[in-house]
């Protein structure tokens, strides 16, 4: 198993544990790790949208994570020439 495959496996494990424990920050940061390995802009957009569904509200601890997802959503939509969604 190469380093990327191991990182993806660890991120997926963190997502499962975060979902089990009801910890949206753990799930969100693990999704950011998966985002680094997204195979396409469409895959990246799916990960980002999932992250935005997980990290909601005005929790100050999640604001930086939410901003990361929003910035990556803008980039993915721009790369896909979907400017109206941006």
PDB file of N, CA and C in Angstrom:
ATOM      1  N   UNK A   1       0.856  -1.180   0.000  1.00  0.00           N
ATOM      2  CA  UNK A   1       0.000   0.000   0.000  1.00  0.00           C
ATOM      3  C   UNK A   1       0.896   1.235   0.000  1.00  0.00           C
ATOM      4  N   UNK A   2       0.623   2.154  -0.937  1.00  0.00           N
ATOM      5  CA  UNK A   2       1.446   3.365  -0.971  1.00  0.00           C
ATOM      6  C   UNK A   2       0.928   4.401   0.032  1.00  0.00           C
ATOM      7  N   UNK A   3       1.660   5.465   0.179  1.00  0.00           N
ATOM      8  CA  UNK A   3       1.352   6.483   1.180  1.00  0.00           C
ATOM      9  C   UNK A   3      -0.019   7.115   0.945  1.00  0.00           C
ATOM     10  N   UNK A   4      -0.363   7.396  -0.318  1.00  0.00           N
ATOM     11  CA  UNK A   4      -1.666   8.001  -0.616  1.00  0.00           C
ATOM     12  C   UNK A   4      -2.798   7.058  -0.255  1.00  0.00           C
ATOM     13  N   UNK A   5      -2.641   5.781  -0.598  1.00  0.00           N
ATOM     14  CA  UNK A   5      -3.682   4.807  -0.270  1.00  0.00           C
ATOM     15  C   UNK A   5      -3.869   4.700   1.242  1.00  0.00           C
ATOM     16  N   UNK A   6      -2.774   4.744   1.955  1.00  0.00           N
ATOM     17  CA  UNK A   6      -2.836   4.690   3.411  1.00  0.00           C
ATOM     18  C   UNK A   6      -3.522   5.937   3.971  1.00  0.00           C
ATOM     19  N   UNK A   7      -3.230   7.090   3.399  1.00  0.00           N
ATOM     20  CA  UNK A   7      -3.860   8.337   3.850  1.00  0.00           C
ATOM     21  C   UNK A   7      -5.366   8.303   3.603  1.00  0.00           C
ATOM     22  N   UNK A   8      -5.768   7.791   2.446  1.00  0.00           N
ATOM     23  CA  UNK A   8      -7.197   7.677   2.132  1.00  0.00           C
ATOM     24  C   UNK A   8      -7.877   6.722   3.110  1.00  0.00           C
ATOM     25  N   UNK A   9      -7.244   5.597   3.398  1.00  0.00           N
ATOM     26  CA  UNK A   9      -7.803   4.628   4.344  1.00  0.00           C
ATOM     27  C   UNK A   9      -7.951   5.253   5.728  1.00  0.00           C
ATOM     28  N   UNK A  10      -6.953   6.007   6.166  1.00  0.00           N
ATOM     29  CA  UNK A  10      -7.018   6.668   7.476  1.00  0.00           C
ATOM     30  C   UNK A  10      -8.130   7.721   7.498  1.00  0.00           C
ATOM     31  N   UNK A  11      -8.264   8.475   6.412  1.00  0.00           N
ATOM     32  CA  UNK A  11      -9.317   9.493   6.340  1.00  0.00           C
ATOM     33  C   UNK A  11     -10.692   8.835   6.388  1.00  0.00           C
ATOM     34  N   UNK A  12     -10.871   7.735   5.668  1.00  0.00           N
ATOM     35  CA  UNK A  12     -12.154   7.039   5.680  1.00  0.00           C
ATOM     36  C   UNK A  12     -12.458   6.472   7.065  1.00  0.00           C
ATOM     37  N   UNK A  13     -11.444   6.007   7.751  1.00  0.00           N
ATOM     38  CA  UNK A  13     -11.633   5.510   9.108  1.00  0.00           C
ATOM     39  C   UNK A  13     -12.028   6.664  10.037  1.00  0.00           C
ATOM     40  N   UNK A  14     -11.395   7.812   9.880  1.00  0.00           N
ATOM     41  CA  UNK A  14     -11.733   8.979  10.703  1.00  0.00           C
ATOM     42  C   UNK A  14     -13.161   9.440  10.434  1.00  0.00           C
ATOM     43  N   UNK A  15     -13.592   9.383   9.177  1.00  0.00           N
ATOM     44  CA  UNK A  15     -14.968   9.755   8.839  1.00  0.00           C
ATOM     45  C   UNK A  15     -15.943   8.814   9.536  1.00  0.00           C
ATOM     46  N   UNK A  16     -15.680   7.521   9.455  1.00  0.00           N
ATOM     47  CA  UNK A  16     -16.565   6.541  10.102  1.00  0.00           C
ATOM     48  C   UNK A  16     -16.629   6.766  11.610  1.00  0.00           C
ATOM     49  N   UNK A  17     -15.484   7.003  12.227  1.00  0.00           N
ATOM     50  CA  UNK A  17     -15.457   7.241  13.673  1.00  0.00           C
ATOM     51  C   UNK A  17     -16.135   8.557  14.040  1.00  0.00           C
ATOM     52  N   UNK A  18     -15.904   9.594  13.247  1.00  0.00           N
ATOM     53  CA  UNK A  18     -16.544  10.882  13.498  1.00  0.00           C
ATOM     54  C   UNK A  18     -18.054  10.799  13.361  1.00  0.00           C
ATOM     55  N   UNK A  19     -18.519  10.066  12.354  1.00  0.00           N
ATOM     56  CA  UNK A  19     -19.961   9.894  12.182  1.00  0.00           C
ATOM     57  C   UNK A  19     -20.542   9.092  13.344  1.00  0.00           C
ATOM     58  N   UNK A  20     -19.834   8.055  13.757  1.00  0.00           N
ATOM     59  CA  UNK A  20     -20.299   7.231  14.876  1.00  0.00           C
ATOM     60  C   UNK A  20     -20.386   8.050  16.159  1.00  0.00           C
ATOM     61  N   UNK A  21     -19.402   8.930  16.368  1.00  0.00           N
ATOM     62  CA  UNK A  21     -19.339   9.721  17.601  1.00  0.00           C
ATOM     63  C   UNK A  21     -20.103  11.037  17.510  1.00  0.00           C
ATOM     64  N   UNK A  22     -20.675  11.341  16.346  1.00  0.00           N
ATOM     65  CA  UNK A  22     -21.380  12.607  16.183  1.00  0.00           C
ATOM     66  C   UNK A  22     -20.449  13.808  16.244  1.00  0.00           C
ATOM     67  N   UNK A  23     -19.263  13.673  15.660  1.00  0.00           N
ATOM     68  CA  UNK A  23     -18.247  14.720  15.698  1.00  0.00           C
ATOM     69  C   UNK A  23     -18.036  15.298  14.292  1.00  0.00           C
ATOM     70  N   UNK A  24     -18.764  16.368  13.957  1.00  0.00           N
ATOM     71  CA  UNK A  24     -18.657  16.914  12.605  1.00  0.00           C
ATOM     72  C   UNK A  24     -17.279  17.484  12.269  1.00  0.00           C
ATOM     73  N   UNK A  25     -16.537  17.955  13.257  1.00  0.00           N
ATOM     74  CA  UNK A  25     -15.197  18.484  12.975  1.00  0.00           C
ATOM     75  C   UNK A  25     -14.253  17.381  12.505  1.00  0.00           C
ATOM     76  N   UNK A  26     -14.316  16.231  13.137  1.00  0.00           N
ATOM     77  CA  UNK A  26     -13.484  15.106  12.703  1.00  0.00           C
ATOM     78  C   UNK A  26     -13.845  14.695  11.284  1.00  0.00           C
ATOM     79  N   UNK A  27     -15.142  14.601  11.020  1.00  0.00           N
ATOM     80  CA  UNK A  27     -15.587  14.235   9.670  1.00  0.00           C
ATOM     81  C   UNK A  27     -15.123  15.291   8.665  1.00  0.00           C
ATOM     82  N   UNK A  28     -15.287  16.550   9.013  1.00  0.00           N
ATOM     83  CA  UNK A  28     -14.904  17.625   8.105  1.00  0.00           C
ATOM     84  C   UNK A  28     -13.425  17.630   7.766  1.00  0.00           C
ATOM     85  N   UNK A  29     -12.578  17.506   8.779  1.00  0.00           N
ATOM     86  CA  UNK A  29     -11.132  17.508   8.513  1.00  0.00           C
ATOM     87  C   UNK A  29     -10.709  16.267   7.731  1.00  0.00           C
ATOM     88  N   UNK A  30     -11.356  15.145   7.976  1.00  0.00           N
ATOM     89  CA  UNK A  30     -11.046  13.938   7.202  1.00  0.00           C
ATOM     90  C   UNK A  30     -11.477  14.122   5.746  1.00  0.00           C
ATOM     91  N   UNK A  31     -12.587  14.797   5.523  1.00  0.00           N
ATOM     92  CA  UNK A  31     -13.008  15.086   4.148  1.00  0.00           C
ATOM     93  C   UNK A  31     -12.024  16.016   3.452  1.00  0.00           C
ATOM     94  N   UNK A  32     -11.457  16.963   4.186  1.00  0.00           N
ATOM     95  CA  UNK A  32     -10.411  17.820   3.606  1.00  0.00           C
ATOM     96  C   UNK A  32      -9.226  16.954   3.155  1.00  0.00           C
ATOM     97  N   UNK A  33      -8.869  15.976   3.959  1.00  0.00           N
ATOM     98  CA  UNK A  33      -7.776  15.065   3.567  1.00  0.00           C
ATOM     99  C   UNK A  33      -8.145  14.315   2.287  1.00  0.00           C
ATOM    100  N   UNK A  34      -9.386  13.854   2.173  1.00  0.00           N
ATOM    101  CA  UNK A  34      -9.816  13.170   0.946  1.00  0.00           C
ATOM    102  C   UNK A  34      -9.831  14.128  -0.241  1.00  0.00           C
ATOM    103  N   UNK A  35     -10.155  15.373   0.021  1.00  0.00           N
ATOM    104  CA  UNK A  35     -10.197  16.371  -1.040  1.00  0.00           C
ATOM    105  C   UNK A  35      -8.832  16.512  -1.723  1.00  0.00           C
ATOM    106  N   UNK A  36      -7.779  16.354  -0.965  1.00  0.00           N
ATOM    107  CA  UNK A  36      -6.429  16.437  -1.534  1.00  0.00           C
ATOM    108  C   UNK A  36      -6.173  15.339  -2.557  1.00  0.00           C
ATOM    109  N   UNK A  37      -6.920  14.269  -2.461  1.00  0.00           N
ATOM    110  CA  UNK A  37      -6.723  13.111  -3.334  1.00  0.00           C
ATOM    111  C   UNK A  37      -7.840  12.970  -4.369  1.00  0.00           C
ATOM    112  N   UNK A  38      -8.719  13.964  -4.476  1.00  0.00           N
ATOM    113  CA  UNK A  38      -9.833  13.888  -5.422  1.00  0.00           C
ATOM    114  C   UNK A  38      -9.312  13.689  -6.840  1.00  0.00           C
ATOM    115  N   UNK A  39      -9.935  12.766  -7.555  1.00  0.00           N
ATOM    116  CA  UNK A  39      -9.479  12.411  -8.899  1.00  0.00           C
ATOM    117  C   UNK A  39      -9.896  13.430  -9.955  1.00  0.00           C
ATOM    118  N   UNK A  40     -10.936  14.196  -9.662  1.00  0.00           N
ATOM    119  CA  UNK A  40     -11.424  15.172 -10.640  1.00  0.00           C
ATOM    120  C   UNK A  40     -12.120  16.308  -9.901  1.00  0.00           C
ATOM    121  N   UNK A  41     -12.449  17.350 -10.651  1.00  0.00           N
ATOM    122  CA  UNK A  41     -13.187  18.461 -10.047  1.00  0.00           C
ATOM    123  C   UNK A  41     -14.594  18.029  -9.646  1.00  0.00           C
ATOM    124  N   UNK A  42     -15.168  17.096 -10.368  1.00  0.00           N
ATOM    125  CA  UNK A  42     -16.494  16.583 -10.007  1.00  0.00           C
ATOM    126  C   UNK A  42     -16.414  15.836  -8.681  1.00  0.00           C
ATOM    127  N   UNK A  43     -15.385  14.993  -8.523  1.00  0.00           N
ATOM    128  CA  UNK A  43     -15.182  14.297  -7.246  1.00  0.00           C
ATOM    129  C   UNK A  43     -14.947  15.300  -6.121  1.00  0.00           C
ATOM    130  N   UNK A  44     -14.145  16.318  -6.402  1.00  0.00           N
ATOM    131  CA  UNK A  44     -13.852  17.341  -5.392  1.00  0.00           C
ATOM    132  C   UNK A  44     -15.134  18.053  -4.975  1.00  0.00           C
ATOM    133  N   UNK A  45     -15.981  18.379  -5.940  1.00  0.00           N
ATOM    134  CA  UNK A  45     -17.232  19.066  -5.635  1.00  0.00           C
ATOM    135  C   UNK A  45     -18.138  18.196  -4.763  1.00  0.00           C
ATOM    136  N   UNK A  46     -18.175  16.905  -5.021  1.00  0.00           N
ATOM    137  CA  UNK A  46     -18.981  15.991  -4.194  1.00  0.00           C
ATOM    138  C   UNK A  46     -18.462  15.960  -2.759  1.00  0.00           C
ATOM    139  N   UNK A  47     -17.147  15.911  -2.602  1.00  0.00           N
ATOM    140  CA  UNK A  47     -16.550  15.906  -1.261  1.00  0.00           C
ATOM    141  C   UNK A  47     -16.843  17.219  -0.543  1.00  0.00           C
ATOM    142  N   UNK A  48     -16.681  18.330  -1.257  1.00  0.00           N
ATOM    143  CA  UNK A  48     -16.926  19.652  -0.679  1.00  0.00           C
ATOM    144  C   UNK A  48     -18.384  19.793  -0.248  1.00  0.00           C
ATOM    145  N   UNK A  49     -19.302  19.389  -1.105  1.00  0.00           N
ATOM    146  CA  UNK A  49     -20.720  19.506  -0.758  1.00  0.00           C
ATOM    147  C   UNK A  49     -21.067  18.628   0.439  1.00  0.00           C
ATOM    148  N   UNK A  50     -20.469  17.456   0.509  1.00  0.00           N
ATOM    149  CA  UNK A  50     -20.670  16.602   1.695  1.00  0.00           C
ATOM    150  C   UNK A  50     -20.141  17.307   2.945  1.00  0.00           C
ATOM    151  N   UNK A  51     -18.970  17.916   2.824  1.00  0.00           N
ATOM    152  CA  UNK A  51     -18.388  18.639   3.947  1.00  0.00           C
ATOM    153  C   UNK A  51     -19.259  19.798   4.401  1.00  0.00           C
ATOM    154  N   UNK A  52     -19.838  20.510   3.444  1.00  0.00           N
ATOM    155  CA  UNK A  52     -20.699  21.637   3.798  1.00  0.00           C
ATOM    156  C   UNK A  52     -22.002  21.173   4.456  1.00  0.00           C
ATOM    157  N   UNK A  53     -22.439  19.964   4.139  1.00  0.00           N
ATOM    158  CA  UNK A  53     -23.619  19.412   4.821  1.00  0.00           C
ATOM    159  C   UNK A  53     -23.285  19.003   6.251  1.00  0.00           C
ATOM    160  N   UNK A  54     -22.031  18.616   6.480  1.00  0.00           N
ATOM    161  CA  UNK A  54     -21.606  18.144   7.804  1.00  0.00           C
ATOM    162  C   UNK A  54     -21.289  19.318   8.728  1.00  0.00           C
ATOM    163  N   UNK A  55     -20.578  20.293   8.211  1.00  0.00           N
ATOM    164  CA  UNK A  55     -20.115  21.429   9.022  1.00  0.00           C
ATOM    165  C   UNK A  55     -21.061  22.601   8.789  1.00  0.00           C
ATOM    166  N   UNK A  56     -22.086  22.671   9.595  1.00  0.00           N
ATOM    167  CA  UNK A  56     -23.103  23.713   9.437  1.00  0.00           C
ATOM    168  C   UNK A  56     -23.209  24.532  10.716  1.00  0.00           C
ATOM    169  N   UNK A  57     -23.871  25.657  10.601  1.00  0.00           N
ATOM    170  CA  UNK A  57     -24.095  26.483  11.778  1.00  0.00           C
ATOM    171  C   UNK A  57     -23.008  27.512  11.980  1.00  0.00           C
ATOM    172  N   UNK A  58     -23.047  28.120  13.139  1.00  0.00           N
ATOM    173  CA  UNK A  58     -22.141  29.220  13.452  1.00  0.00           C
ATOM    174  C   UNK A  58     -21.129  28.855  14.529  1.00  0.00           C
ATOM    175  N   UNK A  59     -20.812  27.582  14.657  1.00  0.00           N
ATOM    176  CA  UNK A  59     -19.834  27.138  15.641  1.00  0.00           C
ATOM    177  C   UNK A  59     -18.478  27.758  15.304  1.00  0.00           C
ATOM    178  N   UNK A  60     -17.922  28.572  16.194  1.00  0.00           N
ATOM    179  CA  UNK A  60     -16.634  29.218  15.907  1.00  0.00           C
ATOM    180  C   UNK A  60     -15.508  28.221  15.627  1.00  0.00           C
ATOM    181  N   UNK A  61     -15.581  27.034  16.201  1.00  0.00           N
ATOM    182  CA  UNK A  61     -14.527  26.038  15.972  1.00  0.00           C
ATOM    183  C   UNK A  61     -14.554  25.477  14.557  1.00  0.00           C
ATOM    184  N   UNK A  62     -15.679  25.631  13.855  1.00  0.00           N
ATOM    185  CA  UNK A  62     -15.775  25.059  12.516  1.00  0.00           C
ATOM    186  C   UNK A  62     -15.688  26.102  11.404  1.00  0.00           C
ATOM    187  N   UNK A  63     -15.535  27.370  11.751  1.00  0.00           N
ATOM    188  CA  UNK A  63     -15.532  28.422  10.736  1.00  0.00           C
ATOM    189  C   UNK A  63     -14.381  28.267   9.733  1.00  0.00           C
ATOM    190  N   UNK A  64     -13.184  27.966  10.206  1.00  0.00           N
ATOM    191  CA  UNK A  64     -12.061  27.815   9.276  1.00  0.00           C
ATOM    192  C   UNK A  64     -12.289  26.638   8.331  1.00  0.00           C
ATOM    193  N   UNK A  65     -12.871  25.583   8.846  1.00  0.00           N
ATOM    194  CA  UNK A  65     -13.165  24.411   8.030  1.00  0.00           C
ATOM    195  C   UNK A  65     -14.237  24.742   6.989  1.00  0.00           C
ATOM    196  N   UNK A  66     -15.262  25.442   7.412  1.00  0.00           N
ATOM    197  CA  UNK A  66     -16.324  25.842   6.479  1.00  0.00           C
ATOM    198  C   UNK A  66     -15.756  26.749   5.379  1.00  0.00           C
ATOM    199  N   UNK A  67     -14.880  27.680   5.746  1.00  0.00           N
ATOM    200  CA  UNK A  67     -14.267  28.552   4.740  1.00  0.00           C
ATOM    201  C   UNK A  67     -13.415  27.759   3.753  1.00  0.00           C
ATOM    202  N   UNK A  68     -12.714  26.746   4.226  1.00  0.00           N
ATOM    203  CA  UNK A  68     -11.940  25.879   3.323  1.00  0.00           C
ATOM    204  C   UNK A  68     -12.851  25.183   2.317  1.00  0.00           C
ATOM    205  N   UNK A  69     -13.966  24.661   2.811  1.00  0.00           N
ATOM    206  CA  UNK A  69     -14.907  24.000   1.910  1.00  0.00           C
ATOM    207  C   UNK A  69     -15.483  24.991   0.896  1.00  0.00           C
ATOM    208  N   UNK A  70     -15.846  26.184   1.348  1.00  0.00           N
ATOM    209  CA  UNK A  70     -16.413  27.173   0.436  1.00  0.00           C
ATOM    210  C   UNK A  70     -15.405  27.607  -0.631  1.00  0.00           C
ATOM    211  N   UNK A  71     -14.158  27.809  -0.232  1.00  0.00           N
ATOM    212  CA  UNK A  71     -13.121  28.196  -1.195  1.00  0.00           C
ATOM    213  C   UNK A  71     -12.878  27.082  -2.212  1.00  0.00           C
ATOM    214  N   UNK A  72     -12.868  25.847  -1.747  1.00  0.00           N
ATOM    215  CA  UNK A  72     -12.672  24.721  -2.658  1.00  0.00           C
ATOM    216  C   UNK A  72     -13.880  24.508  -3.554  1.00  0.00           C
ATOM    217  N   UNK A  73     -15.070  24.832  -3.054  1.00  0.00           N
ATOM    218  CA  UNK A  73     -16.273  24.730  -3.880  1.00  0.00           C
ATOM    219  C   UNK A  73     -16.198  25.747  -5.018  1.00  0.00           C
ATOM    220  N   UNK A  74     -15.798  26.958  -4.686  1.00  0.00           N
ATOM    221  CA  UNK A  74     -15.646  27.996  -5.698  1.00  0.00           C
ATOM    222  C   UNK A  74     -14.632  27.573  -6.763  1.00  0.00           C
ATOM    223  N   UNK A  75     -13.507  27.022  -6.344  1.00  0.00           N
ATOM    224  CA  UNK A  75     -12.479  26.582  -7.290  1.00  0.00           C
ATOM    225  C   UNK A  75     -12.991  25.455  -8.183  1.00  0.00           C
ATOM    226  N   UNK A  76     -13.659  24.466  -7.589  1.00  0.00           N
ATOM    227  CA  UNK A  76     -14.170  23.341  -8.382  1.00  0.00           C
ATOM    228  C   UNK A  76     -15.216  23.813  -9.387  1.00  0.00           C
ATOM    229  N   UNK A  77     -16.137  24.676  -8.951  1.00  0.00           N
ATOM    230  CA  UNK A  77     -17.154  25.185  -9.878  1.00  0.00           C
ATOM    231  C   UNK A  77     -16.519  26.002 -10.997  1.00  0.00           C
ATOM    232  N   UNK A  78     -15.527  26.790 -10.671  1.00  0.00           N
ATOM    233  CA  UNK A  78     -14.819  27.575 -11.688  1.00  0.00           C
ATOM    234  C   UNK A  78     -14.121  26.664 -12.687  1.00  0.00           C
ATOM    235  N   UNK A  79     -13.449  25.639 -12.181  1.00  0.00           N
ATOM    236  CA  UNK A  79     -12.759  24.691 -13.066  1.00  0.00           C
ATOM    237  C   UNK A  79     -13.724  23.950 -13.982  1.00  0.00           C
ATOM    238  N   UNK A  80     -14.961  23.772 -13.526  1.00  0.00           N
ATOM    239  CA  UNK A  80     -15.986  23.081 -14.317  1.00  0.00           C
ATOM    240  C   UNK A  80     -16.796  24.050 -15.187  1.00  0.00           C
ATOM    241  N   UNK A  81     -16.389  25.335 -15.215  1.00  0.00           N
ATOM    242  CA  UNK A  81     -17.101  26.383 -15.962  1.00  0.00           C
ATOM    243  C   UNK A  81     -18.563  26.490 -15.547  1.00  0.00           C
ATOM    244  N   UNK A  82     -18.801  26.309 -14.262  1.00  0.00           N
ATOM    245  CA  UNK A  82     -20.156  26.437 -13.710  1.00  0.00           C
ATOM    246  C   UNK A  82     -20.204  27.702 -12.854  1.00  0.00           C
ATOM    247  N   UNK A  83     -20.000  28.821 -13.513  1.00  0.00           N
ATOM    248  CA  UNK A  83     -19.875  30.099 -12.820  1.00  0.00           C
ATOM    249  C   UNK A  83     -21.175  30.538 -12.147  1.00  0.00           C
ATOM    250  N   UNK A  84     -22.320  30.135 -12.693  1.00  0.00           N
ATOM    251  CA  UNK A  84     -23.579  30.534 -12.068  1.00  0.00           C
ATOM    252  C   UNK A  84     -23.739  29.895 -10.693  1.00  0.00           C
ATOM    253  N   UNK A  85     -23.186  28.695 -10.499  1.00  0.00           N
ATOM    254  CA  UNK A  85     -23.234  28.032  -9.196  1.00  0.00           C
ATOM    255  C   UNK A  85     -22.247  28.610  -8.211  1.00  0.00           C
ATOM    256  N   UNK A  86     -21.233  29.268  -8.731  1.00  0.00           N
ATOM    257  CA  UNK A  86     -20.206  29.852  -7.864  1.00  0.00           C
ATOM    258  C   UNK A  86     -20.752  31.091  -7.204  1.00  0.00           C
TER     259      UNK A  86
END
